[in-house]
């Protein structure tokens, strides 16, 4: 199982932090570096939020090994036609390391702040499906393509130069929904990225995706299976205690509980990775056994480069 780092770009990302993270993830042997694509968080206060496409251009030109992409770019404000063009260029610039992650959009606050129409859930999903159709026609077609939809339109459109990688960067769809998301994965995606699910839930959804893929005439191996989840990691008990104290501050029901009880309750309540190296190693192994090809660990403290070094030692010992 490949192990990558994912950060929340709207949660204080600056150029200095991004440059340090990129260098560390590249140097330490992680598979990739992913980031969210938001203007701001769903609740105040507003924090620094480095623009996503520009930040990926930096990775394409300043790293040599890791793959990268948004996890994921909302088509509710990220125009899929322009983003397909940008992703193609980033893939070529990085010699085939771009992942084109797209989603329907969900966060009401940022759409209201900047004047984008989010719409109700049926509208979001209809727009998302059209965006995927538009992107795939542009990247996987041979020659000019046309499309007339409710949200997006193409008339003999062609992106040049043609992608160096056949079909352009792989399309990643994030989400767990069995009725809307997984059928779109089966039709359009090269990568399915589950979000915050337990190993047994991932395994069940992956089996359902196998059936959906067969129904549309694609083999199960056509779609890579990845997962994004949170991590609260301490290389020793003192480092872990910092996270446990933060969790106690967020959740008053954890106040006063011993450390092991906090870890147990957090694991019971949320599908996250939490603990010291031995505990993290065990939890990662359960995801690998469930069929996860790559896990993207949500690294919340962007300044904790020492923690990344310690996590890398755990990863390399698997």
C-alpha atoms as a PDB file:
ATOM      1  CA  UNK A   1       0.000   0.000   0.000  1.00  0.00           C
ATOM      2  CA  UNK A   2       1.351   3.399  -0.990  1.00  0.00           C
ATOM      3  CA  UNK A   3       1.202   6.063   1.718  1.00  0.00           C
ATOM      4  CA  UNK A   4       0.755   9.724   0.842  1.00  0.00           C
ATOM      5  CA  UNK A   5       0.248  12.966   2.746  1.00  0.00           C
ATOM      6  CA  UNK A   6      -2.841  15.151   2.365  1.00  0.00           C
ATOM      7  CA  UNK A   7      -3.171  18.658   3.796  1.00  0.00           C
ATOM      8  CA  UNK A   8      -6.079  21.079   4.142  1.00  0.00           C
ATOM      9  CA  UNK A   9      -5.011  23.946   1.903  1.00  0.00           C
ATOM     10  CA  UNK A  10      -7.556  26.387   3.346  1.00  0.00           C
ATOM     11  CA  UNK A  11      -6.296  25.885   6.886  1.00  0.00           C
ATOM     12  CA  UNK A  12      -3.310  28.231   6.829  1.00  0.00           C
ATOM     13  CA  UNK A  13      -1.307  27.142   3.787  1.00  0.00           C
ATOM     14  CA  UNK A  14       1.370  29.642   2.734  1.00  0.00           C
ATOM     15  CA  UNK A  15       4.220  29.374   0.255  1.00  0.00           C
ATOM     16  CA  UNK A  16       6.748  28.809   3.055  1.00  0.00           C
ATOM     17  CA  UNK A  17       4.716  25.935   4.493  1.00  0.00           C
ATOM     18  CA  UNK A  18       4.033  24.412   1.073  1.00  0.00           C
ATOM     19  CA  UNK A  19       7.700  24.506   0.109  1.00  0.00           C
ATOM     20  CA  UNK A  20       8.746  22.834   3.372  1.00  0.00           C
ATOM     21  CA  UNK A  21       6.062  20.169   3.027  1.00  0.00           C
ATOM     22  CA  UNK A  22       6.922  19.434  -0.602  1.00  0.00           C
ATOM     23  CA  UNK A  23      10.607  19.015   0.192  1.00  0.00           C
ATOM     24  CA  UNK A  24       9.888  16.763   3.168  1.00  0.00           C
ATOM     25  CA  UNK A  25       7.347  14.515   1.413  1.00  0.00           C
ATOM     26  CA  UNK A  26       9.689  14.116  -1.553  1.00  0.00           C
ATOM     27  CA  UNK A  27      12.745  13.438   0.591  1.00  0.00           C
ATOM     28  CA  UNK A  28      11.087  11.065   3.056  1.00  0.00           C
ATOM     29  CA  UNK A  29       9.789   8.592   0.500  1.00  0.00           C
ATOM     30  CA  UNK A  30       6.033   9.153   0.696  1.00  0.00           C
ATOM     31  CA  UNK A  31       4.203   8.281  -2.519  1.00  0.00           C
ATOM     32  CA  UNK A  32       2.422  11.600  -3.028  1.00  0.00           C
ATOM     33  CA  UNK A  33       1.260  14.954  -1.713  1.00  0.00           C
ATOM     34  CA  UNK A  34      -2.391  15.943  -2.013  1.00  0.00           C
ATOM     35  CA  UNK A  35      -4.325  18.981  -0.858  1.00  0.00           C
ATOM     36  CA  UNK A  36      -7.892  20.181  -0.580  1.00  0.00           C
ATOM     37  CA  UNK A  37      -9.243  22.883  -2.880  1.00  0.00           C
ATOM     38  CA  UNK A  38     -11.190  25.460  -0.868  1.00  0.00           C
ATOM     39  CA  UNK A  39     -11.261  29.217  -0.458  1.00  0.00           C
ATOM     40  CA  UNK A  40     -11.825  28.925   3.290  1.00  0.00           C
ATOM     41  CA  UNK A  41     -13.108  26.624   6.014  1.00  0.00           C
ATOM     42  CA  UNK A  42     -16.784  25.955   6.610  1.00  0.00           C
ATOM     43  CA  UNK A  43     -16.557  27.902   9.894  1.00  0.00           C
ATOM     44  CA  UNK A  44     -14.646  31.088  10.807  1.00  0.00           C
ATOM     45  CA  UNK A  45     -11.979  32.270  11.245  1.00  0.00           C
ATOM     46  CA  UNK A  46     -10.621  32.688   7.728  1.00  0.00           C
ATOM     47  CA  UNK A  47      -7.017  31.547   7.259  1.00  0.00           C
ATOM     48  CA  UNK A  48      -4.354  31.698   4.555  1.00  0.00           C
ATOM     49  CA  UNK A  49      -5.320  29.542   1.583  1.00  0.00           C
ATOM     50  CA  UNK A  50      -2.780  29.165  -1.223  1.00  0.00           C
ATOM     51  CA  UNK A  51      -4.470  28.807  -4.620  1.00  0.00           C
ATOM     52  CA  UNK A  52      -4.604  25.156  -5.639  1.00  0.00           C
ATOM     53  CA  UNK A  53      -3.560  25.083  -9.308  1.00  0.00           C
ATOM     54  CA  UNK A  54      -0.656  27.474  -8.760  1.00  0.00           C
ATOM     55  CA  UNK A  55       0.531  25.385  -5.820  1.00  0.00           C
ATOM     56  CA  UNK A  56       0.480  22.230  -7.970  1.00  0.00           C
ATOM     57  CA  UNK A  57       2.501  23.981 -10.658  1.00  0.00           C
ATOM     58  CA  UNK A  58       5.166  24.464  -8.006  1.00  0.00           C
ATOM     59  CA  UNK A  59       5.132  20.732  -7.227  1.00  0.00           C
ATOM     60  CA  UNK A  60       5.308  19.818 -10.910  1.00  0.00           C
ATOM     61  CA  UNK A  61       8.454  21.886 -11.349  1.00  0.00           C
ATOM     62  CA  UNK A  62      10.121  21.482  -7.942  1.00  0.00           C
ATOM     63  CA  UNK A  63       9.760  17.761  -7.233  1.00  0.00           C
ATOM     64  CA  UNK A  64      10.933  14.782  -9.231  1.00  0.00           C
ATOM     65  CA  UNK A  65       9.278  11.704  -7.762  1.00  0.00           C
ATOM     66  CA  UNK A  66       5.969  12.196  -5.912  1.00  0.00           C
ATOM     67  CA  UNK A  67       2.572  12.256  -7.542  1.00  0.00           C
ATOM     68  CA  UNK A  68       0.139  15.000  -6.561  1.00  0.00           C
ATOM     69  CA  UNK A  69      -3.271  16.541  -7.093  1.00  0.00           C
ATOM     70  CA  UNK A  70      -6.358  18.015  -5.467  1.00  0.00           C
ATOM     71  CA  UNK A  71      -8.366  15.923  -3.086  1.00  0.00           C
ATOM     72  CA  UNK A  72     -10.629  17.103  -4.655  1.00  0.00           C
ATOM     73  CA  UNK A  73     -11.392  20.115  -6.894  1.00  0.00           C
ATOM     74  CA  UNK A  74     -15.092  21.113  -6.749  1.00  0.00           C
ATOM     75  CA  UNK A  75     -16.615  21.615 -10.185  1.00  0.00           C
ATOM     76  CA  UNK A  76     -19.088  23.989  -8.534  1.00  0.00           C
ATOM     77  CA  UNK A  77     -16.439  26.736  -8.699  1.00  0.00           C
ATOM     78  CA  UNK A  78     -13.515  25.087 -10.534  1.00  0.00           C
ATOM     79  CA  UNK A  79     -14.495  25.218 -14.222  1.00  0.00           C
ATOM     80  CA  UNK A  80     -13.870  21.655 -15.478  1.00  0.00           C
ATOM     81  CA  UNK A  81     -12.916  22.747 -18.994  1.00  0.00           C
ATOM     82  CA  UNK A  82     -10.192  25.078 -17.806  1.00  0.00           C
ATOM     83  CA  UNK A  83      -9.148  22.639 -15.086  1.00  0.00           C
ATOM     84  CA  UNK A  84      -8.785  19.826 -17.623  1.00  0.00           C
ATOM     85  CA  UNK A  85      -6.508  22.103 -19.641  1.00  0.00           C
ATOM     86  CA  UNK A  86      -4.467  23.009 -16.571  1.00  0.00           C
ATOM     87  CA  UNK A  87      -4.237  19.399 -15.407  1.00  0.00           C
ATOM     88  CA  UNK A  88      -3.008  18.284 -18.825  1.00  0.00           C
ATOM     89  CA  UNK A  89      -0.249  20.903 -18.703  1.00  0.00           C
ATOM     90  CA  UNK A  90       0.702  19.996 -15.121  1.00  0.00           C
ATOM     91  CA  UNK A  91       0.877  16.319 -16.069  1.00  0.00           C
ATOM     92  CA  UNK A  92       3.166  17.051 -18.981  1.00  0.00           C
ATOM     93  CA  UNK A  93       5.336  19.411 -16.916  1.00  0.00           C
ATOM     94  CA  UNK A  94       5.763  16.767 -14.205  1.00  0.00           C
ATOM     95  CA  UNK A  95       6.319  13.896 -16.670  1.00  0.00           C
ATOM     96  CA  UNK A  96       3.125  12.081 -15.714  1.00  0.00           C
ATOM     97  CA  UNK A  97       2.663  12.713 -11.979  1.00  0.00           C
ATOM     98  CA  UNK A  98      -0.586  14.733 -11.893  1.00  0.00           C
ATOM     99  CA  UNK A  99      -3.797  13.213 -10.485  1.00  0.00           C
ATOM    100  CA  UNK A 100      -6.969  14.993 -11.653  1.00  0.00           C
ATOM    101  CA  UNK A 101      -9.162  14.792  -8.565  1.00  0.00           C
ATOM    102  CA  UNK A 102     -12.668  16.228  -8.937  1.00  0.00           C
ATOM    103  CA  UNK A 103     -15.812  16.382  -6.837  1.00  0.00           C
ATOM    104  CA  UNK A 104     -19.284  17.884  -6.855  1.00  0.00           C
ATOM    105  CA  UNK A 105     -18.683  20.602  -4.237  1.00  0.00           C
ATOM    106  CA  UNK A 106     -20.314  20.786  -0.827  1.00  0.00           C
ATOM    107  CA  UNK A 107     -19.211  23.736   1.300  1.00  0.00           C
ATOM    108  CA  UNK A 108     -21.924  26.391   1.394  1.00  0.00           C
ATOM    109  CA  UNK A 109     -19.914  29.119   3.133  1.00  0.00           C
ATOM    110  CA  UNK A 110     -17.225  29.551   0.467  1.00  0.00           C
ATOM    111  CA  UNK A 111     -19.790  29.535  -2.350  1.00  0.00           C
ATOM    112  CA  UNK A 112     -21.803  32.245  -0.650  1.00  0.00           C
ATOM    113  CA  UNK A 113     -18.699  34.327   0.106  1.00  0.00           C
ATOM    114  CA  UNK A 114     -17.450  34.369  -3.479  1.00  0.00           C
ATOM    115  CA  UNK A 115     -20.712  34.323  -5.400  1.00  0.00           C
ATOM    116  CA  UNK A 116     -20.726  30.771  -6.740  1.00  0.00           C
ATOM    117  CA  UNK A 117     -24.013  28.898  -7.003  1.00  0.00           C
ATOM    118  CA  UNK A 118     -23.697  25.611  -5.117  1.00  0.00           C
ATOM    119  CA  UNK A 119     -27.250  24.380  -5.666  1.00  0.00           C
ATOM    120  CA  UNK A 120     -29.122  21.530  -4.042  1.00  0.00           C
ATOM    121  CA  UNK A 121     -27.755  17.989  -4.071  1.00  0.00           C
ATOM    122  CA  UNK A 122     -29.513  16.904  -7.317  1.00  0.00           C
ATOM    123  CA  UNK A 123     -28.134  20.012  -9.048  1.00  0.00           C
ATOM    124  CA  UNK A 124     -24.621  19.371  -7.737  1.00  0.00           C
ATOM    125  CA  UNK A 125     -24.643  15.773  -8.915  1.00  0.00           C
ATOM    126  CA  UNK A 126     -26.081  16.638 -12.338  1.00  0.00           C
ATOM    127  CA  UNK A 127     -23.389  19.295 -12.781  1.00  0.00           C
ATOM    128  CA  UNK A 128     -20.721  16.862 -11.593  1.00  0.00           C
ATOM    129  CA  UNK A 129     -21.774  14.207 -14.098  1.00  0.00           C
ATOM    130  CA  UNK A 130     -21.683  16.751 -16.927  1.00  0.00           C
ATOM    131  CA  UNK A 131     -18.265  17.934 -15.777  1.00  0.00           C
ATOM    132  CA  UNK A 132     -16.935  14.370 -15.903  1.00  0.00           C
ATOM    133  CA  UNK A 133     -18.379  13.870 -19.377  1.00  0.00           C
ATOM    134  CA  UNK A 134     -16.777  17.118 -20.504  1.00  0.00           C
ATOM    135  CA  UNK A 135     -13.379  16.306 -19.003  1.00  0.00           C
ATOM    136  CA  UNK A 136     -13.246  12.798 -20.424  1.00  0.00           C
ATOM    137  CA  UNK A 137     -14.226  13.938 -23.898  1.00  0.00           C
ATOM    138  CA  UNK A 138     -11.485  16.569 -23.867  1.00  0.00           C
ATOM    139  CA  UNK A 139      -8.731  14.353 -22.467  1.00  0.00           C
ATOM    140  CA  UNK A 140      -9.569  10.987 -23.998  1.00  0.00           C
ATOM    141  CA  UNK A 141     -10.921  12.028 -27.361  1.00  0.00           C
ATOM    142  CA  UNK A 142      -8.973  12.050 -30.588  1.00  0.00           C
ATOM    143  CA  UNK A 143      -9.553  15.329 -32.347  1.00  0.00           C
ATOM    144  CA  UNK A 144     -12.220  17.998 -31.840  1.00  0.00           C
ATOM    145  CA  UNK A 145     -15.181  17.082 -29.629  1.00  0.00           C
ATOM    146  CA  UNK A 146     -18.638  18.546 -29.056  1.00  0.00           C
ATOM    147  CA  UNK A 147     -21.018  18.365 -26.135  1.00  0.00           C
ATOM    148  CA  UNK A 148     -24.176  20.261 -25.258  1.00  0.00           C
ATOM    149  CA  UNK A 149     -25.376  19.999 -21.690  1.00  0.00           C
ATOM    150  CA  UNK A 150     -27.237  21.953 -19.071  1.00  0.00           C
ATOM    151  CA  UNK A 151     -24.057  23.349 -17.491  1.00  0.00           C
ATOM    152  CA  UNK A 152     -21.196  22.896 -19.964  1.00  0.00           C
ATOM    153  CA  UNK A 153     -20.844  23.140 -23.742  1.00  0.00           C
ATOM    154  CA  UNK A 154     -18.169  22.190 -26.252  1.00  0.00           C
ATOM    155  CA  UNK A 155     -18.212  22.845 -29.986  1.00  0.00           C
ATOM    156  CA  UNK A 156     -15.442  21.148 -31.945  1.00  0.00           C
ATOM    157  CA  UNK A 157     -13.163  21.774 -28.976  1.00  0.00           C
ATOM    158  CA  UNK A 158      -9.641  20.414 -28.789  1.00  0.00           C
ATOM    159  CA  UNK A 159      -6.892  20.782 -26.186  1.00  0.00           C
ATOM    160  CA  UNK A 160      -3.455  21.112 -27.730  1.00  0.00           C
ATOM    161  CA  UNK A 161      -0.755  20.032 -27.384  1.00  0.00           C
ATOM    162  CA  UNK A 162      -2.061  16.508 -26.981  1.00  0.00           C
ATOM    163  CA  UNK A 163      -1.171  14.949 -23.619  1.00  0.00           C
ATOM    164  CA  UNK A 164       2.154  13.174 -23.430  1.00  0.00           C
ATOM    165  CA  UNK A 165       0.458  10.469 -21.352  1.00  0.00           C
ATOM    166  CA  UNK A 166      -2.190   8.606 -23.321  1.00  0.00           C
ATOM    167  CA  UNK A 167      -5.565   9.926 -22.133  1.00  0.00           C
ATOM    168  CA  UNK A 168      -3.976  12.594 -19.977  1.00  0.00           C
ATOM    169  CA  UNK A 169      -3.790  12.499 -16.173  1.00  0.00           C
ATOM    170  CA  UNK A 170      -5.888   9.862 -14.399  1.00  0.00           C
ATOM    171  CA  UNK A 171      -9.267  11.041 -13.126  1.00  0.00           C
ATOM    172  CA  UNK A 172      -9.885  10.541  -9.416  1.00  0.00           C
ATOM    173  CA  UNK A 173     -13.393  10.751  -7.944  1.00  0.00           C
ATOM    174  CA  UNK A 174     -13.753  11.105  -4.205  1.00  0.00           C
ATOM    175  CA  UNK A 175     -16.705   9.956  -2.109  1.00  0.00           C
ATOM    176  CA  UNK A 176     -18.521   6.987  -0.673  1.00  0.00           C
ATOM    177  CA  UNK A 177     -22.102   7.329  -1.917  1.00  0.00           C
ATOM    178  CA  UNK A 178     -23.407   4.051  -3.366  1.00  0.00           C
ATOM    179  CA  UNK A 179     -26.287   5.589  -5.325  1.00  0.00           C
ATOM    180  CA  UNK A 180     -24.628   8.569  -6.995  1.00  0.00           C
ATOM    181  CA  UNK A 181     -20.844   8.574  -6.532  1.00  0.00           C
ATOM    182  CA  UNK A 182     -19.871   4.949  -7.123  1.00  0.00           C
ATOM    183  CA  UNK A 183     -21.815   4.680 -10.420  1.00  0.00           C
ATOM    184  CA  UNK A 184     -19.939   7.769 -11.650  1.00  0.00           C
ATOM    185  CA  UNK A 185     -16.655   6.172 -10.560  1.00  0.00           C
ATOM    186  CA  UNK A 186     -17.537   3.073 -12.571  1.00  0.00           C
ATOM    187  CA  UNK A 187     -18.230   5.123 -15.693  1.00  0.00           C
ATOM    188  CA  UNK A 188     -15.537   7.790 -15.595  1.00  0.00           C
ATOM    189  CA  UNK A 189     -12.791   7.283 -13.005  1.00  0.00           C
ATOM    190  CA  UNK A 190      -9.335   5.792 -13.091  1.00  0.00           C
ATOM    191  CA  UNK A 191      -9.056   6.154  -9.299  1.00  0.00           C
ATOM    192  CA  UNK A 192     -11.701   5.889  -6.578  1.00  0.00           C
ATOM    193  CA  UNK A 193     -10.881   7.755  -3.381  1.00  0.00           C
ATOM    194  CA  UNK A 194     -12.979   6.719  -0.387  1.00  0.00           C
ATOM    195  CA  UNK A 195     -13.198   9.237   2.454  1.00  0.00           C
ATOM    196  CA  UNK A 196     -13.125   8.531   6.207  1.00  0.00           C
ATOM    197  CA  UNK A 197     -14.376   4.936   6.213  1.00  0.00           C
ATOM    198  CA  UNK A 198     -13.303   1.926   8.227  1.00  0.00           C
ATOM    199  CA  UNK A 199     -11.516  -1.014   6.545  1.00  0.00           C
ATOM    200  CA  UNK A 200     -14.626  -3.193   6.501  1.00  0.00           C
ATOM    201  CA  UNK A 201     -16.693  -0.354   5.013  1.00  0.00           C
ATOM    202  CA  UNK A 202     -14.044   0.220   2.369  1.00  0.00           C
ATOM    203  CA  UNK A 203     -14.026  -3.463   1.491  1.00  0.00           C
ATOM    204  CA  UNK A 204     -17.809  -3.560   1.085  1.00  0.00           C
ATOM    205  CA  UNK A 205     -17.861  -0.440  -1.094  1.00  0.00           C
ATOM    206  CA  UNK A 206     -14.978  -1.749  -3.180  1.00  0.00           C
ATOM    207  CA  UNK A 207     -16.885  -4.979  -3.824  1.00  0.00           C
ATOM    208  CA  UNK A 208     -19.950  -2.957  -4.848  1.00  0.00           C
ATOM    209  CA  UNK A 209     -17.739  -0.952  -7.219  1.00  0.00           C
ATOM    210  CA  UNK A 210     -16.499  -4.193  -8.782  1.00  0.00           C
ATOM    211  CA  UNK A 211     -20.079  -5.053  -9.708  1.00  0.00           C
ATOM    212  CA  UNK A 212     -20.773  -1.590 -11.083  1.00  0.00           C
ATOM    213  CA  UNK A 213     -17.639  -1.774 -13.210  1.00  0.00           C
ATOM    214  CA  UNK A 214     -18.631  -5.129 -14.655  1.00  0.00           C
ATOM    215  CA  UNK A 215     -22.078  -3.739 -15.443  1.00  0.00           C
ATOM    216  CA  UNK A 216     -20.572  -1.000 -17.640  1.00  0.00           C
ATOM    217  CA  UNK A 217     -18.103  -3.384 -19.292  1.00  0.00           C
ATOM    218  CA  UNK A 218     -14.963  -2.454 -17.359  1.00  0.00           C
ATOM    219  CA  UNK A 219     -12.785  -4.896 -15.404  1.00  0.00           C
ATOM    220  CA  UNK A 220     -12.418  -4.265 -11.637  1.00  0.00           C
ATOM    221  CA  UNK A 221      -8.688  -3.642 -12.053  1.00  0.00           C
ATOM    222  CA  UNK A 222      -9.457  -0.619 -14.260  1.00  0.00           C
ATOM    223  CA  UNK A 223      -9.955   1.532 -11.146  1.00  0.00           C
ATOM    224  CA  UNK A 224      -7.284   2.033  -8.498  1.00  0.00           C
ATOM    225  CA  UNK A 225      -8.652   2.025  -4.911  1.00  0.00           C
ATOM    226  CA  UNK A 226      -7.438   4.778  -2.577  1.00  0.00           C
ATOM    227  CA  UNK A 227      -8.619   6.259   0.700  1.00  0.00           C
ATOM    228  CA  UNK A 228      -8.245   9.541   2.567  1.00  0.00           C
ATOM    229  CA  UNK A 229      -8.485   9.570   6.353  1.00  0.00           C
ATOM    230  CA  UNK A 230      -7.242  11.527   9.345  1.00  0.00           C
ATOM    231  CA  UNK A 231      -4.202  10.766  11.453  1.00  0.00           C
ATOM    232  CA  UNK A 232      -3.273  11.750  15.006  1.00  0.00           C
ATOM    233  CA  UNK A 233       0.269  10.450  15.400  1.00  0.00           C
ATOM    234  CA  UNK A 234       2.884  10.730  18.094  1.00  0.00           C
ATOM    235  CA  UNK A 235       6.328   9.188  17.799  1.00  0.00           C
ATOM    236  CA  UNK A 236       6.285   8.760  21.590  1.00  0.00           C
ATOM    237  CA  UNK A 237       3.714   9.226  24.326  1.00  0.00           C
ATOM    238  CA  UNK A 238       4.680  12.867  24.908  1.00  0.00           C
ATOM    239  CA  UNK A 239       4.130  13.740  21.242  1.00  0.00           C
ATOM    240  CA  UNK A 240       0.854  11.818  21.165  1.00  0.00           C
ATOM    241  CA  UNK A 241      -0.305  13.622  24.307  1.00  0.00           C
ATOM    242  CA  UNK A 242      -0.198  16.921  22.402  1.00  0.00           C
ATOM    243  CA  UNK A 243      -2.843  15.570  20.017  1.00  0.00           C
ATOM    244  CA  UNK A 244      -4.853  13.990  22.799  1.00  0.00           C
ATOM    245  CA  UNK A 245      -4.983  17.311  24.644  1.00  0.00           C
ATOM    246  CA  UNK A 246      -6.191  19.007  21.454  1.00  0.00           C
ATOM    247  CA  UNK A 247      -8.893  16.370  21.070  1.00  0.00           C
ATOM    248  CA  UNK A 248      -9.963  16.862  24.693  1.00  0.00           C
ATOM    249  CA  UNK A 249     -10.233  20.605  24.062  1.00  0.00           C
ATOM    250  CA  UNK A 250     -12.513  19.964  21.072  1.00  0.00           C
ATOM    251  CA  UNK A 251     -14.687  17.351  22.761  1.00  0.00           C
ATOM    252  CA  UNK A 252     -15.596  17.940  26.414  1.00  0.00           C
ATOM    253  CA  UNK A 253     -16.748  14.315  26.796  1.00  0.00           C
ATOM    254  CA  UNK A 254     -13.055  13.336  26.605  1.00  0.00           C
ATOM    255  CA  UNK A 255     -11.992  15.695  29.389  1.00  0.00           C
ATOM    256  CA  UNK A 256     -10.394  13.958  32.341  1.00  0.00           C
ATOM    257  CA  UNK A 257     -10.146  10.572  30.649  1.00  0.00           C
ATOM    258  CA  UNK A 258      -6.815   8.705  30.648  1.00  0.00           C
ATOM    259  CA  UNK A 259      -4.851   8.677  27.429  1.00  0.00           C
ATOM    260  CA  UNK A 260      -5.626   5.102  26.433  1.00  0.00           C
ATOM    261  CA  UNK A 261      -9.332   5.710  26.938  1.00  0.00           C
ATOM    262  CA  UNK A 262      -9.211   8.822  24.739  1.00  0.00           C
ATOM    263  CA  UNK A 263      -7.511   6.819  21.983  1.00  0.00           C
ATOM    264  CA  UNK A 264     -10.096   4.037  22.292  1.00  0.00           C
ATOM    265  CA  UNK A 265     -13.041   6.426  22.202  1.00  0.00           C
ATOM    266  CA  UNK A 266     -11.715   8.378  19.222  1.00  0.00           C
ATOM    267  CA  UNK A 267     -11.131   5.164  17.287  1.00  0.00           C
ATOM    268  CA  UNK A 268     -14.620   3.935  18.156  1.00  0.00           C
ATOM    269  CA  UNK A 269     -16.261   7.201  17.132  1.00  0.00           C
ATOM    270  CA  UNK A 270     -14.291   8.059  13.986  1.00  0.00           C
ATOM    271  CA  UNK A 271     -12.518   6.082  11.266  1.00  0.00           C
ATOM    272  CA  UNK A 272      -9.119   7.721  11.792  1.00  0.00           C
ATOM    273  CA  UNK A 273      -5.576   6.533  12.421  1.00  0.00           C
ATOM    274  CA  UNK A 274      -4.479   7.381  15.963  1.00  0.00           C
ATOM    275  CA  UNK A 275      -1.668   6.384  18.280  1.00  0.00           C
ATOM    276  CA  UNK A 276       2.020   5.699  18.658  1.00  0.00           C
ATOM    277  CA  UNK A 277       4.122   3.953  15.973  1.00  0.00           C
ATOM    278  CA  UNK A 278       3.075   0.412  16.902  1.00  0.00           C
ATOM    279  CA  UNK A 279      -0.620   1.351  16.929  1.00  0.00           C
ATOM    280  CA  UNK A 280      -0.388   3.276  13.659  1.00  0.00           C
ATOM    281  CA  UNK A 281       1.471   0.436  12.006  1.00  0.00           C
ATOM    282  CA  UNK A 282      -1.268  -2.001  13.015  1.00  0.00           C
ATOM    283  CA  UNK A 283      -4.068   0.275  11.793  1.00  0.00           C
ATOM    284  CA  UNK A 284      -2.398   0.887   8.444  1.00  0.00           C
ATOM    285  CA  UNK A 285      -1.981  -2.848   7.963  1.00  0.00           C
ATOM    286  CA  UNK A 286      -5.748  -3.367   8.342  1.00  0.00           C
ATOM    287  CA  UNK A 287      -6.391  -0.942   5.501  1.00  0.00           C
ATOM    288  CA  UNK A 288      -3.838  -2.662   3.297  1.00  0.00           C
ATOM    289  CA  UNK A 289      -5.515  -6.000   4.029  1.00  0.00           C
ATOM    290  CA  UNK A 290      -8.882  -4.492   3.045  1.00  0.00           C
ATOM    291  CA  UNK A 291      -7.554  -3.770  -0.443  1.00  0.00           C
ATOM    292  CA  UNK A 292      -6.542  -0.107  -0.190  1.00  0.00           C
ATOM    293  CA  UNK A 293      -3.896   0.570  -2.833  1.00  0.00           C
ATOM    294  CA  UNK A 294      -2.952   3.984  -1.459  1.00  0.00           C
ATOM    295  CA  UNK A 295      -3.883   5.793   1.737  1.00  0.00           C
ATOM    296  CA  UNK A 296      -3.766   9.596   1.972  1.00  0.00           C
ATOM    297  CA  UNK A 297      -3.158  10.679   5.562  1.00  0.00           C
ATOM    298  CA  UNK A 298      -4.621  14.066   6.504  1.00  0.00           C
ATOM    299  CA  UNK A 299      -1.683  15.895   8.135  1.00  0.00           C
ATOM    300  CA  UNK A 300      -3.291  18.673  10.158  1.00  0.00           C
ATOM    301  CA  UNK A 301      -0.182  20.364  11.583  1.00  0.00           C
ATOM    302  CA  UNK A 302       1.582  21.733   8.514  1.00  0.00           C
ATOM    303  CA  UNK A 303       4.546  22.916  10.608  1.00  0.00           C
ATOM    304  CA  UNK A 304       5.218  19.493  12.128  1.00  0.00           C
ATOM    305  CA  UNK A 305       8.004  18.402   9.793  1.00  0.00           C
ATOM    306  CA  UNK A 306       9.663  16.433  12.601  1.00  0.00           C
ATOM    307  CA  UNK A 307       6.451  14.432  12.898  1.00  0.00           C
ATOM    308  CA  UNK A 308       6.592  13.635   9.183  1.00  0.00           C
ATOM    309  CA  UNK A 309      10.129  12.322   9.640  1.00  0.00           C
ATOM    310  CA  UNK A 310       8.932  10.053  12.460  1.00  0.00           C
ATOM    311  CA  UNK A 311       5.910   8.902  10.449  1.00  0.00           C
ATOM    312  CA  UNK A 312       8.162   8.061   7.506  1.00  0.00           C
ATOM    313  CA  UNK A 313      10.096   5.648   9.728  1.00  0.00           C
ATOM    314  CA  UNK A 314       6.832   3.901  10.573  1.00  0.00           C
ATOM    315  CA  UNK A 315       5.858   3.744   6.907  1.00  0.00           C
ATOM    316  CA  UNK A 316       9.175   2.276   5.850  1.00  0.00           C
ATOM    317  CA  UNK A 317       8.917  -0.422   8.525  1.00  0.00           C
ATOM    318  CA  UNK A 318       5.636  -1.819   7.162  1.00  0.00           C
END
